[in-house]
Amino acid sequence: MDSEREAQFRKLAADHPTSPMVHFSLGKLLLDERRYAEAVESLRAAVRLQPDYAAALVALGDALIGGGRRDEARQVLEGARATALGQNHPSLAEEIDERLADL
């Protein structure tokens, strides 16, 4: 059975389908629970709604890695790195570089 927190996030996503933050929050919860396929779905929704959402891009990359989809993860993380640099977040870009080096 879904946790109460997950149920709350799912209700928020249903009530606010255009909110990238809601989809990101649900995706992070699912990622933390290692439910990678479900996390990918929610995180893709967040990125679809806000393509420059760097944290969602990184989490999506992590979910893809967790799900064994390394080639897709590399593409997403390379885009996340470019986004982070474009938003003047060099420390995030360094974190992404570490993930990419592990692929």
Protein backbone atom coordinates (compact mmCIF):
# COMPACT_ATOMS: atom_id res chain seq x y z
CA MET A 1 0.00 0.00 0.00
CA ASP A 2 1.17 3.54 -0.75
CA SER A 3 2.51 5.60 2.09
CA GLU A 4 0.46 8.51 3.34
CA ARG A 5 3.08 10.88 1.98
CA GLU A 6 2.95 9.26 -1.44
CA ALA A 7 -0.83 9.46 -1.42
CA GLN A 8 -0.61 13.17 -0.63
CA PHE A 9 1.83 13.79 -3.49
CA ARG A 10 -0.31 11.77 -5.91
CA LYS A 11 -3.38 13.79 -4.92
CA LEU A 12 -1.45 17.03 -5.38
CA ALA A 13 -0.28 15.85 -8.81
CA ALA A 14 -3.86 15.03 -9.78
CA ASP A 15 -5.12 18.38 -8.45
CA HIS A 16 -2.22 20.39 -9.93
CA PRO A 17 -1.09 18.53 -13.05
CA THR A 18 0.83 21.54 -14.38
CA SER A 19 3.01 21.99 -11.28
CA PRO A 20 6.55 20.79 -11.94
CA MET A 21 7.37 20.96 -8.22
CA VAL A 22 4.61 18.49 -7.35
CA HIS A 23 5.79 15.98 -9.95
CA PHE A 24 9.39 16.48 -8.80
CA SER A 25 8.45 15.87 -5.16
CA LEU A 26 6.61 12.67 -6.03
CA GLY A 27 9.47 11.56 -8.25
CA LYS A 28 12.05 12.17 -5.50
CA LEU A 29 9.99 10.17 -3.03
CA LEU A 30 9.76 7.28 -5.49
CA LEU A 31 13.48 7.57 -6.28
CA ASP A 32 14.30 7.42 -2.57
CA GLU A 33 12.20 4.25 -2.37
CA ARG A 34 14.09 2.81 -5.37
CA ARG A 35 10.93 2.61 -7.43
CA TYR A 36 12.85 3.73 -10.47
CA ALA A 37 10.32 3.26 -13.27
CA GLU A 38 7.67 5.21 -11.37
CA ALA A 39 10.21 7.87 -10.42
CA VAL A 40 11.21 8.28 -14.08
CA GLU A 41 7.57 8.84 -15.02
CA SER A 42 7.04 11.59 -12.41
CA LEU A 43 10.38 13.25 -13.03
CA ARG A 44 9.82 13.27 -16.79
CA ALA A 45 6.52 15.05 -16.11
CA ALA A 46 8.36 17.69 -14.06
CA VAL A 47 10.94 18.20 -16.81
CA ARG A 48 8.29 18.29 -19.52
CA LEU A 49 6.58 21.11 -17.63
CA GLN A 50 9.83 22.97 -16.85
CA PRO A 51 12.68 21.89 -19.13
CA ASP A 52 15.27 23.97 -17.24
CA TYR A 53 14.46 22.42 -13.83
CA ALA A 54 18.02 21.35 -13.04
CA ALA A 55 17.21 19.42 -9.85
CA ALA A 56 14.53 17.44 -11.68
CA LEU A 57 16.95 16.67 -14.50
CA VAL A 58 19.55 15.37 -12.05
CA ALA A 59 16.96 13.26 -10.21
CA LEU A 60 15.72 11.92 -13.55
CA GLY A 61 19.28 10.93 -14.40
CA ASP A 62 19.58 9.17 -11.04
CA ALA A 63 16.31 7.30 -11.60
CA LEU A 64 17.42 6.21 -15.05
CA ILE A 65 20.72 4.96 -13.63
CA GLY A 66 18.85 3.09 -10.93
CA GLY A 67 16.67 1.51 -13.56
CA GLY A 68 19.69 0.39 -15.58
CA ARG A 69 19.09 2.88 -18.40
CA ARG A 70 22.62 4.26 -18.47
CA ASP A 71 22.62 5.64 -22.03
CA GLU A 72 19.45 7.65 -21.39
CA ALA A 73 20.87 8.76 -18.04
CA ARG A 74 24.02 10.04 -19.72
CA GLN A 75 21.98 12.15 -22.16
CA VAL A 76 19.80 13.56 -19.40
CA LEU A 77 22.76 14.32 -17.15
CA GLU A 78 24.66 16.02 -19.96
CA GLY A 79 21.62 18.24 -20.47
CA ALA A 80 21.40 18.82 -16.72
CA ARG A 81 25.07 19.88 -16.69
CA ALA A 82 24.50 22.39 -19.47
CA THR A 83 21.42 23.70 -17.65
CA ALA A 84 23.32 24.03 -14.37
CA LEU A 85 26.13 25.95 -16.05
CA GLY A 86 23.62 28.14 -17.87
CA GLN A 87 22.02 28.97 -14.53
CA ASN A 88 25.43 29.74 -12.99
CA HIS A 89 25.46 26.71 -10.67
CA PRO A 90 29.01 25.40 -11.08
CA SER A 91 28.83 23.25 -7.93
CA LEU A 92 25.82 21.40 -9.31
CA ALA A 93 27.68 20.94 -12.60
CA GLU A 94 30.56 19.39 -10.63
CA GLU A 95 28.15 16.96 -8.92
CA ILE A 96 26.80 16.02 -12.33
CA ASP A 97 30.35 15.52 -13.63
CA GLU A 98 30.90 12.97 -10.85
CA ARG A 99 27.77 11.08 -11.87
CA LEU A 100 28.84 11.13 -15.50
CA ALA A 101 32.30 9.85 -14.61
CA ASP A 102 30.69 6.85 -12.89
CA LEU A 103 28.75 5.94 -16.04
